[in-house]
Amino acid sequence: MNRLHLHSCLAESIQRFIDLRRLSGTDYHSQAKLLEYFDRFIAEYPLTEPRITRQITDAYRQSLAGLAPATRANRCSVVRQLGEYLAASDPLGYVPEPLRFTASPHQPYIYTGAEVRALLAAAAELPPPGSLRPHTCRTLLGLLYSTGLRVGEACALNLEDFHRAEQRLYVAAGKFHKARWVPLAPSTCQALQRYLEPRWRCIPNAPDAPLLLNLRGRRLRHASVHRDFQQLLRRCAMSAKRPRPRIHDLRHTFAVDRLLAWYRDGQDINARLPALATYLGHVSIRSTQVYLRPTAELLGQVNERFHDHFLEKVKPQGGPT
């Protein structure tokens, strides 16, 4: 990990804050880099006292005017975190207000079962013939669809992370470096086992070798995965659809399909959402709710449940209508 270069009068306090965040298990590498930018700014700012003030944060925000809104929001967010930390021991410390930023989120594309099957079939036909590439691509897409893994998590899997007997995966490189176990359906385990038959014949095949290999026998990379996925969309005549389908939308589709299955099974959705959040590797249910998009099927199940509840609970109390 590269050493930060901090030179302002708050350098020691900033370093202590970063060390504390890392001790909590957070990587905090990118955020620390943003604090280095802030340190560089206040090193040149005419400070009258060694603390964060409103004047400093206002001036810093003005200096970021040429950056994209999301970038400005990220830089101001870590400064606010630092301000909260310093204010705990300094009553005169200033905690800046959060920078209001309304993103323009991508509307996720929820794949139908037929579309997923078409993508898997197209992946199985990828060249070169007889190579591991079509098997790898098909296995990756199937894994993303059936488990809701992030693309980066799937690419980071090693051979030893697949525990066939227990029917689960160990995700060691989750978001914010949070590890978790991911239970697998029997059909997913069978598909992974079929992939491993040709995969074992490739090098490297040590336990800590990548589970999913590219043509060069190396770990899959985001750039090549997304390039192949765009090719599959064109082969399946899906590239012109709106919203534009992304490979990450397979994760959205998994969450929606899981919710739909629970509705059909008569499950208590509110009681099941924490389990879904844990499975997806989310810190809170709020993060999971971003993935839950209404579809015609899902709305139909919600309407049916409400109707049944009305007939069972509400109508008897109110009498005939």
Protein backbone atom coordinates (compact mmCIF):
# COMPACT_ATOMS: atom_id res chain seq x y z
CA MET A 1 0.00 0.00 0.00
CA ASN A 2 1.49 3.35 -1.07
CA ARG A 3 2.37 5.75 1.73
CA LEU A 4 0.39 8.95 1.75
CA HIS A 5 2.21 12.27 1.54
CA LEU A 6 0.59 14.54 4.12
CA HIS A 7 2.16 17.92 4.88
CA SER A 8 -0.51 20.20 6.37
CA CYS A 9 -0.90 21.15 10.03
CA LEU A 10 -3.65 18.49 10.18
CA ALA A 11 -1.46 15.74 8.70
CA GLU A 12 -1.13 13.76 11.94
CA SER A 13 -4.86 13.96 12.65
CA ILE A 14 -5.70 12.88 9.10
CA GLN A 15 -3.31 9.92 9.33
CA ARG A 16 -4.79 8.83 12.68
CA PHE A 17 -8.27 8.98 11.17
CA ILE A 18 -7.21 6.87 8.18
CA ASP A 19 -5.48 4.34 10.43
CA LEU A 20 -8.62 4.08 12.57
CA ARG A 21 -10.82 3.40 9.54
CA ARG A 22 -8.45 0.70 8.32
CA LEU A 23 -8.38 -0.95 11.75
CA SER A 24 -12.16 -1.34 11.49
CA GLY A 25 -11.62 -3.63 8.50
CA THR A 26 -12.29 -1.04 5.81
CA ASP A 27 -9.82 -0.81 2.93
CA TYR A 28 -10.22 3.00 2.72
CA HIS A 29 -7.51 3.27 0.05
CA SER A 30 -9.42 5.45 -2.41
CA GLN A 31 -10.89 7.60 0.39
CA ALA A 32 -7.42 8.12 1.84
CA LYS A 33 -6.26 9.39 -1.53
CA LEU A 34 -9.09 11.92 -1.51
CA LEU A 35 -8.01 13.09 1.94
CA GLU A 36 -4.50 13.54 0.56
CA TYR A 37 -5.97 16.03 -1.94
CA PHE A 38 -7.65 17.87 0.92
CA ASP A 39 -4.39 17.89 2.92
CA ARG A 40 -2.61 19.37 -0.09
CA PHE A 41 -5.25 22.11 -0.27
CA ILE A 42 -5.13 23.12 3.38
CA ALA A 43 -1.30 23.06 3.32
CA GLU A 44 -1.53 26.08 1.00
CA TYR A 45 -4.51 27.67 2.76
CA PRO A 46 -3.77 30.55 5.21
CA LEU A 47 -4.93 28.82 8.38
CA THR A 48 -5.30 30.82 11.57
CA GLU A 49 -5.87 27.69 13.71
CA PRO A 50 -5.16 23.96 13.17
CA ARG A 51 -8.73 22.80 12.75
CA ILE A 52 -11.38 22.42 10.06
CA THR A 53 -13.50 25.54 9.72
CA ARG A 54 -16.40 26.53 7.54
CA GLN A 55 -14.17 28.93 5.63
CA ILE A 56 -11.78 26.12 4.74
CA THR A 57 -14.46 23.72 3.57
CA ASP A 58 -16.28 26.41 1.58
CA ALA A 59 -13.03 27.36 -0.14
CA TYR A 60 -12.26 23.70 -0.82
CA ARG A 61 -15.66 23.17 -2.41
CA GLN A 62 -15.11 26.19 -4.65
CA SER A 63 -11.75 24.76 -5.73
CA LEU A 64 -13.58 21.61 -6.94
CA ALA A 65 -15.99 23.51 -9.20
CA GLY A 66 -14.37 22.15 -12.36
CA LEU A 67 -14.89 18.50 -11.40
CA ALA A 68 -17.85 16.27 -12.20
CA PRO A 69 -20.69 16.39 -9.63
CA ALA A 70 -20.12 12.82 -8.46
CA THR A 71 -16.39 13.46 -8.01
CA ARG A 72 -17.07 16.61 -6.00
CA ALA A 73 -19.55 14.72 -3.82
CA ASN A 74 -17.01 11.96 -3.09
CA ARG A 75 -14.26 14.40 -2.13
CA CYS A 76 -16.57 16.41 0.13
CA SER A 77 -17.94 13.24 1.73
CA VAL A 78 -14.56 12.12 3.07
CA VAL A 79 -13.88 15.63 4.37
CA ARG A 80 -17.17 15.46 6.25
CA GLN A 81 -16.14 12.09 7.74
CA LEU A 82 -12.87 13.62 8.85
CA GLY A 83 -14.72 16.60 10.34
CA GLU A 84 -16.97 14.32 12.38
CA TYR A 85 -13.93 12.46 13.70
CA LEU A 86 -12.10 15.65 14.71
CA ALA A 87 -15.20 17.27 16.24
CA ALA A 88 -15.46 14.39 18.71
CA SER A 89 -12.38 15.75 20.52
CA ASP A 90 -12.58 19.41 19.48
CA PRO A 91 -15.83 21.25 20.35
CA LEU A 92 -14.84 24.08 18.04
CA GLY A 93 -14.31 21.78 15.08
CA TYR A 94 -16.63 22.32 12.11
CA VAL A 95 -18.54 19.47 10.48
CA PRO A 96 -19.48 20.47 6.93
CA GLU A 97 -22.97 19.83 5.65
CA PRO A 98 -23.21 16.98 3.13
CA LEU A 99 -22.96 18.09 -0.47
CA ARG A 100 -26.31 17.53 -2.10
CA PHE A 101 -25.87 15.51 -5.24
CA THR A 102 -28.67 13.89 -7.17
CA ALA A 103 -27.30 11.24 -9.46
CA SER A 104 -28.91 10.18 -12.69
CA PRO A 105 -29.06 6.44 -11.98
CA HIS A 106 -29.09 3.89 -14.75
CA GLN A 107 -32.44 2.16 -15.02
CA PRO A 108 -31.57 -1.54 -14.67
CA TYR A 109 -32.67 -3.97 -17.33
CA ILE A 110 -34.48 -6.99 -15.87
CA TYR A 111 -33.84 -10.00 -18.10
CA THR A 112 -36.53 -12.51 -18.88
CA GLY A 113 -35.84 -16.21 -18.56
CA ALA A 114 -35.88 -16.54 -22.36
CA GLU A 115 -33.30 -13.75 -22.72
CA VAL A 116 -30.97 -15.36 -20.18
CA ARG A 117 -31.23 -18.69 -22.00
CA ALA A 118 -30.44 -16.95 -25.29
CA LEU A 119 -27.34 -15.30 -23.78
CA LEU A 120 -26.13 -18.61 -22.37
CA ALA A 121 -26.63 -20.32 -25.73
CA ALA A 122 -24.74 -17.55 -27.52
CA ALA A 123 -21.91 -17.77 -24.98
CA ALA A 124 -21.57 -21.50 -25.66
CA GLU A 125 -20.91 -20.68 -29.36
CA LEU A 126 -18.08 -18.20 -28.80
CA PRO A 127 -14.85 -18.90 -30.70
CA PRO A 128 -12.34 -20.38 -30.89
CA PRO A 129 -13.92 -23.83 -31.19
CA GLY A 130 -12.66 -26.37 -28.69
CA SER A 131 -11.24 -23.72 -26.37
CA LEU A 132 -12.16 -23.01 -22.74
CA ARG A 133 -13.51 -19.56 -23.64
CA PRO A 134 -17.16 -20.51 -24.39
CA HIS A 135 -17.29 -22.69 -21.26
CA THR A 136 -15.88 -19.86 -19.13
CA CYS A 137 -18.23 -17.23 -20.50
CA ARG A 138 -21.31 -19.44 -20.16
CA THR A 139 -20.34 -20.42 -16.61
CA LEU A 140 -19.73 -16.80 -15.62
CA LEU A 141 -23.12 -15.64 -16.90
CA GLY A 142 -24.91 -18.55 -15.28
CA LEU A 143 -23.16 -17.87 -11.99
CA LEU A 144 -24.07 -14.18 -12.04
CA TYR A 145 -27.70 -14.96 -12.86
CA SER A 146 -28.14 -17.72 -10.29
CA THR A 147 -26.26 -16.14 -7.37
CA GLY A 148 -26.37 -12.37 -7.90
CA LEU A 149 -22.60 -12.11 -7.51
CA ARG A 150 -20.88 -8.93 -8.61
CA VAL A 151 -18.74 -9.38 -11.73
CA GLY A 152 -15.59 -8.55 -9.78
CA GLU A 153 -16.46 -11.11 -7.10
CA ALA A 154 -16.95 -13.84 -9.69
CA CYS A 155 -13.69 -13.01 -11.47
CA ALA A 156 -11.81 -13.06 -8.16
CA LEU A 157 -12.92 -16.59 -7.26
CA ASN A 158 -10.23 -19.25 -6.95
CA LEU A 159 -10.57 -23.00 -7.43
CA GLU A 160 -10.45 -23.53 -3.67
CA ASP A 161 -13.41 -21.16 -3.17
CA PHE A 162 -15.84 -23.66 -4.67
CA HIS A 163 -16.89 -26.10 -1.94
CA ARG A 164 -18.81 -28.74 -3.83
CA ALA A 165 -19.68 -30.97 -0.86
CA GLU A 166 -21.17 -28.04 1.08
CA GLN A 167 -22.72 -26.55 -2.09
CA ARG A 168 -21.40 -23.07 -1.50
CA LEU A 169 -18.86 -20.48 -2.63
CA TYR A 170 -16.49 -18.50 -0.46
CA VAL A 171 -16.34 -14.89 -1.64
CA ALA A 172 -13.15 -13.52 -0.13
CA ALA A 173 -12.90 -10.39 -2.28
CA GLY A 174 -16.32 -8.83 -1.79
CA LYS A 175 -17.04 -5.11 -1.88
CA PHE A 176 -15.11 -3.22 0.82
CA HIS A 177 -13.18 -6.51 1.31
CA LYS A 178 -16.08 -8.11 3.19
CA ALA A 179 -15.96 -11.91 2.87
CA ARG A 180 -19.06 -14.10 2.89
CA TRP A 181 -20.36 -17.57 2.10
CA VAL A 182 -22.78 -17.92 -0.82
CA PRO A 183 -24.99 -21.05 -0.76
CA LEU A 184 -25.58 -22.57 -4.18
CA ALA A 185 -28.52 -24.37 -5.72
CA PRO A 186 -27.83 -28.00 -6.72
CA SER A 187 -28.17 -27.08 -10.41
CA THR A 188 -25.53 -24.34 -10.00
CA CYS A 189 -23.16 -26.79 -8.33
CA GLN A 190 -23.65 -29.24 -11.20
CA ALA A 191 -22.95 -26.51 -13.76
CA LEU A 192 -19.74 -25.52 -11.96
CA GLN A 193 -18.66 -29.14 -11.78
CA ARG A 194 -19.21 -29.54 -15.54
CA TYR A 195 -17.05 -26.47 -16.14
CA LEU A 196 -14.29 -27.84 -13.91
CA GLU A 197 -13.88 -30.94 -16.07
CA PRO A 198 -12.16 -29.02 -18.92
CA ARG A 199 -10.87 -26.37 -16.52
CA TRP A 200 -8.71 -28.85 -14.55
CA ARG A 201 -6.82 -29.68 -17.74
CA CYS A 202 -5.60 -26.07 -17.96
CA ILE A 203 -2.69 -24.48 -16.16
CA PRO A 204 -2.61 -23.02 -13.55
CA ASN A 205 -4.70 -25.49 -11.57
CA ALA A 206 -3.37 -25.07 -8.03
CA PRO A 207 -6.00 -24.44 -5.31
CA ASP A 208 -5.28 -20.69 -5.32
CA ALA A 209 -5.49 -20.45 -9.13
CA PRO A 210 -8.38 -18.53 -10.72
CA LEU A 211 -11.60 -20.48 -11.05
CA LEU A 212 -12.49 -18.74 -14.32
CA LEU A 213 -9.72 -18.52 -16.92
CA ASN A 214 -9.34 -16.48 -20.10
CA LEU A 215 -7.71 -17.71 -23.30
CA ARG A 216 -4.24 -16.90 -21.96
CA GLY A 217 -4.76 -18.98 -18.84
CA ARG A 218 -5.11 -15.92 -16.65
CA ARG A 219 -7.80 -14.43 -14.45
CA LEU A 220 -10.72 -12.80 -16.23
CA ARG A 221 -10.57 -9.01 -16.49
CA HIS A 222 -13.45 -6.56 -16.41
CA ALA A 223 -12.60 -5.10 -19.81
CA SER A 224 -12.65 -8.43 -21.65
CA VAL A 225 -15.77 -9.62 -19.80
CA HIS A 226 -17.72 -6.51 -20.76
CA ARG A 227 -16.43 -6.68 -24.34
CA ASP A 228 -17.59 -10.29 -24.68
CA PHE A 229 -20.95 -9.41 -23.14
CA GLN A 230 -21.52 -6.64 -25.68
CA GLN A 231 -20.82 -9.18 -28.42
CA LEU A 232 -23.39 -11.55 -26.91
CA LEU A 233 -26.00 -8.77 -26.78
CA ARG A 234 -25.49 -8.12 -30.50
CA ARG A 235 -25.77 -11.83 -31.32
CA CYS A 236 -29.03 -12.02 -29.38
CA ALA A 237 -30.39 -8.80 -30.96
CA MET A 238 -30.56 -7.18 -27.52
CA SER A 239 -28.06 -4.33 -27.89
CA ALA A 240 -30.72 -1.84 -29.03
CA LYS A 241 -33.08 -2.49 -26.11
CA ARG A 242 -33.85 0.28 -23.64
CA PRO A 243 -32.76 0.65 -20.98
CA ARG A 244 -29.50 -0.66 -22.38
CA PRO A 245 -28.79 -4.09 -20.84
CA ARG A 246 -25.62 -4.44 -18.78
CA ILE A 247 -23.94 -7.50 -17.34
CA HIS A 248 -24.42 -5.99 -13.85
CA ASP A 249 -28.17 -6.11 -14.48
CA LEU A 250 -28.00 -9.88 -14.01
CA ARG A 251 -27.52 -9.05 -10.32
CA HIS A 252 -30.65 -6.87 -10.40
CA THR A 253 -32.51 -9.69 -12.15
CA PHE A 254 -31.46 -12.17 -9.47
CA ALA A 255 -32.82 -9.91 -6.71
CA VAL A 256 -36.14 -9.33 -8.50
CA ASP A 257 -36.56 -13.03 -9.32
CA ARG A 258 -35.82 -13.99 -5.72
CA LEU A 259 -38.47 -11.54 -4.49
CA LEU A 260 -40.94 -12.89 -7.04
CA ALA A 261 -40.30 -16.47 -5.90
CA TRP A 262 -40.95 -15.49 -2.28
CA TYR A 263 -44.22 -13.83 -3.23
CA ARG A 264 -45.31 -16.96 -5.07
CA ASP A 265 -44.37 -19.12 -2.08
CA GLY A 266 -46.37 -16.91 0.30
CA GLN A 267 -43.27 -15.83 2.23
CA ASP A 268 -43.16 -12.83 4.57
CA ILE A 269 -41.17 -10.45 2.35
CA ASN A 270 -40.16 -8.05 5.14
CA ALA A 271 -38.77 -10.96 7.15
CA ARG A 272 -36.85 -12.32 4.14
CA LEU A 273 -35.22 -9.08 2.97
CA PRO A 274 -32.40 -9.18 5.57
CA ALA A 275 -31.47 -12.64 4.27
CA LEU A 276 -31.35 -11.30 0.71
CA ALA A 277 -29.19 -8.37 1.82
CA THR A 278 -26.73 -10.73 3.51
CA TYR A 279 -26.66 -13.05 0.48
CA LEU A 280 -25.89 -10.15 -1.85
CA GLY A 281 -23.17 -8.83 0.46
CA HIS A 282 -24.95 -5.61 1.39
CA VAL A 283 -24.38 -3.76 4.64
CA SER A 284 -28.04 -2.76 4.97
CA ILE A 285 -31.43 -3.43 3.43
CA ARG A 286 -31.37 0.06 1.91
CA SER A 287 -28.64 -1.06 -0.47
CA THR A 288 -30.71 -4.11 -1.42
CA GLN A 289 -33.80 -2.00 -2.12
CA VAL A 290 -31.94 -0.33 -4.99
CA TYR A 291 -32.01 -3.69 -6.78
CA LEU A 292 -35.74 -4.32 -6.34
CA ARG A 293 -37.50 -3.04 -9.43
CA PRO A 294 -41.19 -3.52 -10.23
CA THR A 295 -41.90 -5.85 -13.14
CA ALA A 296 -45.26 -6.90 -14.53
CA GLU A 297 -44.97 -10.30 -12.84
CA LEU A 298 -43.90 -8.82 -9.52
CA LEU A 299 -46.66 -6.22 -9.52
CA GLY A 300 -49.13 -8.96 -10.34
CA GLN A 301 -48.02 -10.95 -7.28
CA VAL A 302 -48.17 -7.85 -5.07
CA ASN A 303 -51.69 -7.08 -6.31
CA GLU A 304 -52.79 -10.68 -5.76
CA ARG A 305 -51.46 -10.71 -2.21
CA PHE A 306 -53.14 -7.40 -1.41
CA HIS A 307 -56.40 -8.68 -2.86
CA ASP A 308 -56.23 -11.86 -0.77
CA HIS A 309 -55.45 -9.83 2.33
CA PHE A 310 -58.41 -7.56 1.64
CA LEU A 311 -60.79 -10.49 1.26
CA GLU A 312 -59.47 -12.18 4.40
CA LYS A 313 -59.02 -9.26 6.79
CA VAL A 314 -60.71 -6.11 5.58
CA LYS A 315 -63.94 -7.13 3.89
CA PRO A 316 -65.28 -9.33 6.76
CA GLN A 317 -64.91 -6.40 9.15
CA GLY A 318 -66.66 -3.96 6.87
CA GLY A 319 -69.44 -6.32 5.82
CA PRO A 320 -70.74 -6.76 2.28
CA THR A 321 -69.81 -4.19 -0.33
